[in-house]
PDB file of all heavy atoms in Angstrom:
ATOM      1  N   ALA A   1       0.870  -1.296   0.013  1.00  0.00           N
ATOM      2  CA  ALA A   1      -0.101   0.012  -0.074  1.00  0.00           C
ATOM      3  C   ALA A   1       0.849   1.311  -0.019  1.00  0.00           C
ATOM      4  O   ALA A   1       0.454   2.214  -0.561  1.00  0.00           O
ATOM      5  CB  ALA A   1      -0.892   0.063   1.185  1.00  0.00           C
ATOM      6  N   THR A   2       2.032   1.180   0.636  1.00  0.00           N
ATOM      7  CA  THR A   2       2.738   2.440   0.709  1.00  0.00           C
ATOM      8  C   THR A   2       3.943   2.548  -0.195  1.00  0.00           C
ATOM      9  O   THR A   2       4.716   3.611  -0.173  1.00  0.00           O
ATOM     10  CB  THR A   2       3.306   2.502   2.131  1.00  0.00           C
ATOM     11  OG1 THR A   2       4.130   1.428   2.464  1.00  0.00           O
ATOM     12  CG2 THR A   2       2.270   2.537   3.248  1.00  0.00           C
ATOM     13  N   ASN A   3       4.259   1.477  -0.955  1.00  0.00           N
ATOM     14  CA  ASN A   3       5.319   1.555  -1.857  1.00  0.00           C
ATOM     15  C   ASN A   3       4.787   1.597  -3.352  1.00  0.00           C
ATOM     16  O   ASN A   3       3.842   1.054  -3.563  1.00  0.00           O
ATOM     17  CB  ASN A   3       6.153   0.221  -1.669  1.00  0.00           C
ATOM     18  CG  ASN A   3       7.209   0.425  -0.557  1.00  0.00           C
ATOM     19  OD1 ASN A   3       8.377   0.666  -0.701  1.00  0.00           O
ATOM     20  ND2 ASN A   3       6.711   0.172   0.721  1.00  0.00           N
ATOM     21  N   PRO A   4       5.605   2.206  -4.193  1.00  0.00           N
ATOM     22  CA  PRO A   4       5.269   2.289  -5.555  1.00  0.00           C
ATOM     23  C   PRO A   4       5.394   0.887  -6.252  1.00  0.00           C
ATOM     24  O   PRO A   4       6.248   0.133  -5.879  1.00  0.00           O
ATOM     25  CB  PRO A   4       6.269   3.249  -6.230  1.00  0.00           C
ATOM     26  CG  PRO A   4       7.471   3.109  -5.369  1.00  0.00           C
ATOM     27  CD  PRO A   4       6.971   2.963  -3.886  1.00  0.00           C
ATOM     28  N   MET A   5       4.630   0.644  -7.276  1.00  0.00           N
ATOM     29  CA  MET A   5       4.685  -0.664  -8.106  1.00  0.00           C
ATOM     30  C   MET A   5       5.496  -0.492  -9.234  1.00  0.00           C
ATOM     31  O   MET A   5       5.895  -1.473  -9.958  1.00  0.00           O
ATOM     32  CB  MET A   5       3.349  -1.122  -8.347  1.00  0.00           C
ATOM     33  CG  MET A   5       2.424  -1.569  -7.190  1.00  0.00           C
ATOM     34  SD  MET A   5       3.194  -2.867  -6.226  1.00  0.00           S
ATOM     35  CE  MET A   5       3.052  -4.194  -7.427  1.00  0.00           C
ATOM     36  N   LEU A   6       5.718   0.690  -9.823  1.00  0.00           N
ATOM     37  CA  LEU A   6       6.548   0.983 -10.980  1.00  0.00           C
ATOM     38  C   LEU A   6       7.582   1.858 -10.681  1.00  0.00           C
ATOM     39  O   LEU A   6       7.539   2.755  -9.893  1.00  0.00           O
ATOM     40  CB  LEU A   6       5.589   1.522 -12.118  1.00  0.00           C
ATOM     41  CG  LEU A   6       4.400   0.744 -12.642  1.00  0.00           C
ATOM     42  CD1 LEU A   6       3.521   1.417 -13.482  1.00  0.00           C
ATOM     43  CD2 LEU A   6       4.829  -0.725 -13.088  1.00  0.00           C
ATOM     44  N   ASP A   7       8.694   1.870 -11.554  1.00  0.00           N
ATOM     45  CA  ASP A   7       9.639   2.888 -11.672  1.00  0.00           C
ATOM     46  C   ASP A   7      10.124   3.204 -12.945  1.00  0.00           C
ATOM     47  O   ASP A   7       9.640   2.493 -13.928  1.00  0.00           O
ATOM     48  CB  ASP A   7      10.858   2.581 -10.595  1.00  0.00           C
ATOM     49  CG  ASP A   7      11.635   1.323 -11.116  1.00  0.00           C
ATOM     50  OD1 ASP A   7      11.571   0.973 -12.340  1.00  0.00           O
ATOM     51  OD2 ASP A   7      12.340   0.688 -10.210  1.00  0.00           O
ATOM     52  N   TYR A   8      10.881   4.213 -13.213  1.00  0.00           N
ATOM     53  CA  TYR A   8      11.304   4.783 -14.491  1.00  0.00           C
ATOM     54  C   TYR A   8      12.846   4.542 -14.608  1.00  0.00           C
ATOM     55  O   TYR A   8      13.606   4.878 -13.660  1.00  0.00           O
ATOM     56  CB  TYR A   8      11.024   6.218 -14.665  1.00  0.00           C
ATOM     57  CG  TYR A   8      11.730   6.836 -15.911  1.00  0.00           C
ATOM     58  CD1 TYR A   8      11.380   6.439 -17.084  1.00  0.00           C
ATOM     59  CD2 TYR A   8      12.563   7.879 -15.584  1.00  0.00           C
ATOM     60  CE1 TYR A   8      12.120   7.045 -18.114  1.00  0.00           C
ATOM     61  CE2 TYR A   8      13.238   8.563 -16.642  1.00  0.00           C
ATOM     62  CZ  TYR A   8      12.944   8.083 -17.987  1.00  0.00           C
ATOM     63  OH  TYR A   8      13.651   8.637 -18.976  1.00  0.00           O
ATOM     64  N   THR A   9      13.282   3.890 -15.644  1.00  0.00           N
ATOM     65  CA  THR A   9      14.616   3.657 -16.058  1.00  0.00           C
ATOM     66  C   THR A   9      15.033   4.481 -17.222  1.00  0.00           C
ATOM     67  O   THR A   9      14.477   4.382 -18.323  1.00  0.00           O
ATOM     68  CB  THR A   9      14.934   2.159 -16.408  1.00  0.00           C
ATOM     69  OG1 THR A   9      14.600   1.319 -15.170  1.00  0.00           O
ATOM     70  CG2 THR A   9      16.406   1.886 -16.608  1.00  0.00           C
ATOM     71  N   PRO A  10      16.041   5.546 -17.070  1.00  0.00           N
ATOM     72  CA  PRO A  10      16.246   6.404 -18.136  1.00  0.00           C
ATOM     73  C   PRO A  10      17.095   5.607 -19.175  1.00  0.00           C
ATOM     74  O   PRO A  10      17.660   4.567 -19.088  1.00  0.00           O
ATOM     75  CB  PRO A  10      17.183   7.406 -17.331  1.00  0.00           C
ATOM     76  CG  PRO A  10      17.734   6.790 -16.152  1.00  0.00           C
ATOM     77  CD  PRO A  10      16.626   5.726 -15.758  1.00  0.00           C
ATOM     78  N   PRO A  11      16.938   6.185 -20.458  1.00  0.00           N
ATOM     79  CA  PRO A  11      17.541   5.548 -21.616  1.00  0.00           C
ATOM     80  C   PRO A  11      19.046   5.263 -21.616  1.00  0.00           C
ATOM     81  O   PRO A  11      19.478   4.265 -22.153  1.00  0.00           O
ATOM     82  CB  PRO A  11      17.223   6.397 -22.901  1.00  0.00           C
ATOM     83  CG  PRO A  11      16.932   7.755 -22.171  1.00  0.00           C
ATOM     84  CD  PRO A  11      16.411   7.478 -20.758  1.00  0.00           C
ATOM     85  N   GLU A  12      19.829   6.005 -20.821  1.00  0.00           N
ATOM     86  CA  GLU A  12      21.163   5.916 -20.820  1.00  0.00           C
ATOM     87  C   GLU A  12      21.626   4.620 -20.099  1.00  0.00           C
ATOM     88  O   GLU A  12      22.791   4.148 -20.201  1.00  0.00           O
ATOM     89  CB  GLU A  12      21.992   7.038 -20.160  1.00  0.00           C
ATOM     90  CG  GLU A  12      21.486   7.422 -18.802  1.00  0.00           C
ATOM     91  CD  GLU A  12      20.318   8.396 -18.746  1.00  0.00           C
ATOM     92  OE1 GLU A  12      19.602   8.516 -19.749  1.00  0.00           O
ATOM     93  OE2 GLU A  12      20.244   9.136 -17.752  1.00  0.00           O
ATOM     94  N   LEU A  13      20.767   4.007 -19.338  1.00  0.00           N
ATOM     95  CA  LEU A  13      21.066   2.783 -18.693  1.00  0.00           C
ATOM     96  C   LEU A  13      20.676   1.526 -19.421  1.00  0.00           C
ATOM     97  O   LEU A  13      20.901   0.390 -19.030  1.00  0.00           O
ATOM     98  CB  LEU A  13      20.301   2.737 -17.307  1.00  0.00           C
ATOM     99  CG  LEU A  13      20.702   3.861 -16.394  1.00  0.00           C
ATOM    100  CD1 LEU A  13      19.839   3.649 -15.104  1.00  0.00           C
ATOM    101  CD2 LEU A  13      22.152   3.760 -15.950  1.00  0.00           C
ATOM    102  N   ILE A  14      19.986   1.724 -20.682  1.00  0.00           N
ATOM    103  CA  ILE A  14      19.441   0.642 -21.405  1.00  0.00           C
ATOM    104  C   ILE A  14      20.407   0.359 -22.551  1.00  0.00           C
ATOM    105  O   ILE A  14      20.640   1.281 -23.390  1.00  0.00           O
ATOM    106  CB  ILE A  14      18.077   0.894 -21.898  1.00  0.00           C
ATOM    107  CG1 ILE A  14      17.132   1.138 -20.756  1.00  0.00           C
ATOM    108  CG2 ILE A  14      17.497  -0.258 -22.788  1.00  0.00           C
ATOM    109  CD1 ILE A  14      15.792   1.658 -21.121  1.00  0.00           C
ATOM    110  N   THR A  15      20.909  -0.841 -22.776  1.00  0.00           N
ATOM    111  CA  THR A  15      21.838  -1.188 -23.814  1.00  0.00           C
ATOM    112  C   THR A  15      21.094  -1.228 -25.223  1.00  0.00           C
ATOM    113  O   THR A  15      21.408  -0.545 -26.184  1.00  0.00           O
ATOM    114  CB  THR A  15      22.468  -2.605 -23.618  1.00  0.00           C
ATOM    115  OG1 THR A  15      23.126  -2.477 -22.304  1.00  0.00           O
ATOM    116  CG2 THR A  15      23.622  -2.737 -24.619  1.00  0.00           C
ATOM    117  N   LEU A  16      20.067  -2.106 -25.208  1.00  0.00           N
ATOM    118  CA  LEU A  16      19.180  -2.247 -26.445  1.00  0.00           C
ATOM    119  C   LEU A  16      17.867  -2.497 -26.107  1.00  0.00           C
ATOM    120  O   LEU A  16      17.520  -3.092 -25.036  1.00  0.00           O
ATOM    121  CB  LEU A  16      19.759  -3.290 -27.307  1.00  0.00           C
ATOM    122  CG  LEU A  16      21.092  -3.073 -28.053  1.00  0.00           C
ATOM    123  CD1 LEU A  16      21.565  -4.479 -28.724  1.00  0.00           C
ATOM    124  CD2 LEU A  16      21.060  -1.998 -29.130  1.00  0.00           C
ATOM    125  N   LEU A  17      16.959  -2.247 -27.071  1.00  0.00           N
ATOM    126  CA  LEU A  17      15.491  -2.635 -26.787  1.00  0.00           C
ATOM    127  C   LEU A  17      15.191  -3.781 -27.842  1.00  0.00           C
ATOM    128  O   LEU A  17      15.531  -3.699 -29.126  1.00  0.00           O
ATOM    129  CB  LEU A  17      14.623  -1.532 -27.176  1.00  0.00           C
ATOM    130  CG  LEU A  17      14.473  -0.398 -26.072  1.00  0.00           C
ATOM    131  CD1 LEU A  17      13.922   0.915 -26.630  1.00  0.00           C
ATOM    132  CD2 LEU A  17      13.730  -0.746 -24.877  1.00  0.00           C
ATOM    133  N   PHE A  18      14.560  -4.808 -27.393  1.00  0.00           N
ATOM    134  CA  PHE A  18      14.098  -5.892 -28.353  1.00  0.00           C
ATOM    135  C   PHE A  18      12.670  -5.695 -28.548  1.00  0.00           C
ATOM    136  O   PHE A  18      11.850  -5.749 -27.547  1.00  0.00           O
ATOM    137  CB  PHE A  18      14.321  -7.329 -27.810  1.00  0.00           C
ATOM    138  CG  PHE A  18      15.747  -7.584 -27.417  1.00  0.00           C
ATOM    139  CD1 PHE A  18      16.090  -8.613 -26.512  1.00  0.00           C
ATOM    140  CD2 PHE A  18      16.791  -6.972 -28.080  1.00  0.00           C
ATOM    141  CE1 PHE A  18      17.466  -8.855 -26.109  1.00  0.00           C
ATOM    142  CE2 PHE A  18      18.197  -7.321 -27.729  1.00  0.00           C
ATOM    143  CZ  PHE A  18      18.432  -8.156 -26.857  1.00  0.00           C
ATOM    144  N   THR A  19      12.168  -5.429 -29.794  1.00  0.00           N
ATOM    145  CA  THR A  19      10.809  -5.104 -30.062  1.00  0.00           C
ATOM    146  C   THR A  19      10.344  -5.924 -31.287  1.00  0.00           C
ATOM    147  O   THR A  19      11.249  -6.575 -31.939  1.00  0.00           O
ATOM    148  CB  THR A  19      10.571  -3.619 -30.285  1.00  0.00           C
ATOM    149  OG1 THR A  19      10.969  -3.376 -31.577  1.00  0.00           O
ATOM    150  CG2 THR A  19      11.300  -2.714 -29.380  1.00  0.00           C
ATOM    151  N   ASP A  20       9.056  -5.889 -31.590  1.00  0.00           N
ATOM    152  CA  ASP A  20       8.611  -6.504 -32.733  1.00  0.00           C
ATOM    153  C   ASP A  20       9.015  -5.864 -34.040  1.00  0.00           C
ATOM    154  O   ASP A  20       8.843  -6.423 -35.159  1.00  0.00           O
ATOM    155  CB  ASP A  20       7.085  -6.737 -32.703  1.00  0.00           C
ATOM    156  CG  ASP A  20       6.392  -5.443 -32.480  1.00  0.00           C
ATOM    157  OD1 ASP A  20       6.544  -4.913 -31.281  1.00  0.00           O
ATOM    158  OD2 ASP A  20       5.705  -4.917 -33.309  1.00  0.00           O
ATOM    159  N   LEU A  21       9.474  -4.624 -33.961  1.00  0.00           N
ATOM    160  CA  LEU A  21       9.977  -3.872 -35.081  1.00  0.00           C
ATOM    161  C   LEU A  21      11.408  -4.086 -35.361  1.00  0.00           C
ATOM    162  O   LEU A  21      11.989  -3.644 -36.296  1.00  0.00           O
ATOM    163  CB  LEU A  21       9.767  -2.333 -34.792  1.00  0.00           C
ATOM    164  CG  LEU A  21       8.331  -1.918 -34.579  1.00  0.00           C
ATOM    165  CD1 LEU A  21       8.250  -0.425 -34.280  1.00  0.00           C
ATOM    166  CD2 LEU A  21       7.360  -2.343 -35.751  1.00  0.00           C
ATOM    167  N   GLY A  22      12.086  -4.847 -34.434  1.00  0.00           N
ATOM    168  CA  GLY A  22      13.505  -5.154 -34.514  1.00  0.00           C
ATOM    169  C   GLY A  22      14.306  -4.722 -33.333  1.00  0.00           C
ATOM    170  O   GLY A  22      13.685  -4.281 -32.240  1.00  0.00           O
ATOM    171  N   VAL A  23      15.514  -4.931 -33.313  1.00  0.00           N
ATOM    172  CA  VAL A  23      16.433  -4.467 -32.237  1.00  0.00           C
ATOM    173  C   VAL A  23      16.813  -3.055 -32.492  1.00  0.00           C
ATOM    174  O   VAL A  23      17.266  -2.712 -33.480  1.00  0.00           O
ATOM    175  CB  VAL A  23      17.695  -5.457 -32.195  1.00  0.00           C
ATOM    176  CG1 VAL A  23      18.611  -4.960 -30.980  1.00  0.00           C
ATOM    177  CG2 VAL A  23      17.364  -6.892 -32.094  1.00  0.00           C
ATOM    178  N   MET A  24      16.624  -2.255 -31.495  1.00  0.00           N
ATOM    179  CA  MET A  24      16.869  -0.823 -31.625  1.00  0.00           C
ATOM    180  C   MET A  24      17.509  -0.231 -30.367  1.00  0.00           C
ATOM    181  O   MET A  24      17.500  -0.756 -29.300  1.00  0.00           O
ATOM    182  CB  MET A  24      15.616  -0.066 -31.958  1.00  0.00           C
ATOM    183  CG  MET A  24      14.552  -0.203 -30.944  1.00  0.00           C
ATOM    184  SD  MET A  24      12.990   0.918 -31.291  1.00  0.00           S
ATOM    185  CE  MET A  24      12.370  -0.055 -32.656  1.00  0.00           C
ATOM    186  N   THR A  25      18.132   0.848 -30.605  1.00  0.00           N
ATOM    187  CA  THR A  25      18.642   1.675 -29.474  1.00  0.00           C
ATOM    188  C   THR A  25      17.458   2.485 -28.829  1.00  0.00           C
ATOM    189  O   THR A  25      16.458   2.715 -29.543  1.00  0.00           O
ATOM    190  CB  THR A  25      19.743   2.620 -29.904  1.00  0.00           C
ATOM    191  OG1 THR A  25      19.259   3.515 -30.859  1.00  0.00           O
ATOM    192  CG2 THR A  25      20.901   1.878 -30.477  1.00  0.00           C
ATOM    193  N   PRO A  26      17.581   2.946 -27.638  1.00  0.00           N
ATOM    194  CA  PRO A  26      16.493   3.703 -27.057  1.00  0.00           C
ATOM    195  C   PRO A  26      16.094   4.961 -27.829  1.00  0.00           C
ATOM    196  O   PRO A  26      15.002   5.375 -27.908  1.00  0.00           O
ATOM    197  CB  PRO A  26      17.041   4.132 -25.631  1.00  0.00           C
ATOM    198  CG  PRO A  26      17.964   2.938 -25.362  1.00  0.00           C
ATOM    199  CD  PRO A  26      18.644   2.683 -26.601  1.00  0.00           C
ATOM    200  N   SER A  27      17.039   5.527 -28.521  1.00  0.00           N
ATOM    201  CA  SER A  27      16.718   6.691 -29.287  1.00  0.00           C
ATOM    202  C   SER A  27      15.774   6.486 -30.479  1.00  0.00           C
ATOM    203  O   SER A  27      15.142   7.449 -31.140  1.00  0.00           O
ATOM    204  CB  SER A  27      18.023   7.392 -29.913  1.00  0.00           C
ATOM    205  OG  SER A  27      18.753   6.488 -30.752  1.00  0.00           O
ATOM    206  N   GLY A  28      15.659   5.194 -30.888  1.00  0.00           N
ATOM    207  CA  GLY A  28      14.760   4.910 -32.045  1.00  0.00           C
ATOM    208  C   GLY A  28      13.342   4.878 -31.697  1.00  0.00           C
ATOM    209  O   GLY A  28      12.467   4.990 -32.644  1.00  0.00           O
TER     210      GLY A  28
END
């Protein structure tokens, strides 16, 4: 009840994104 369930991770900490559109960098 008193803690958040989600947090935000900024793009500089993410190496790559795997999506159905392909492998991309966060800037894509």
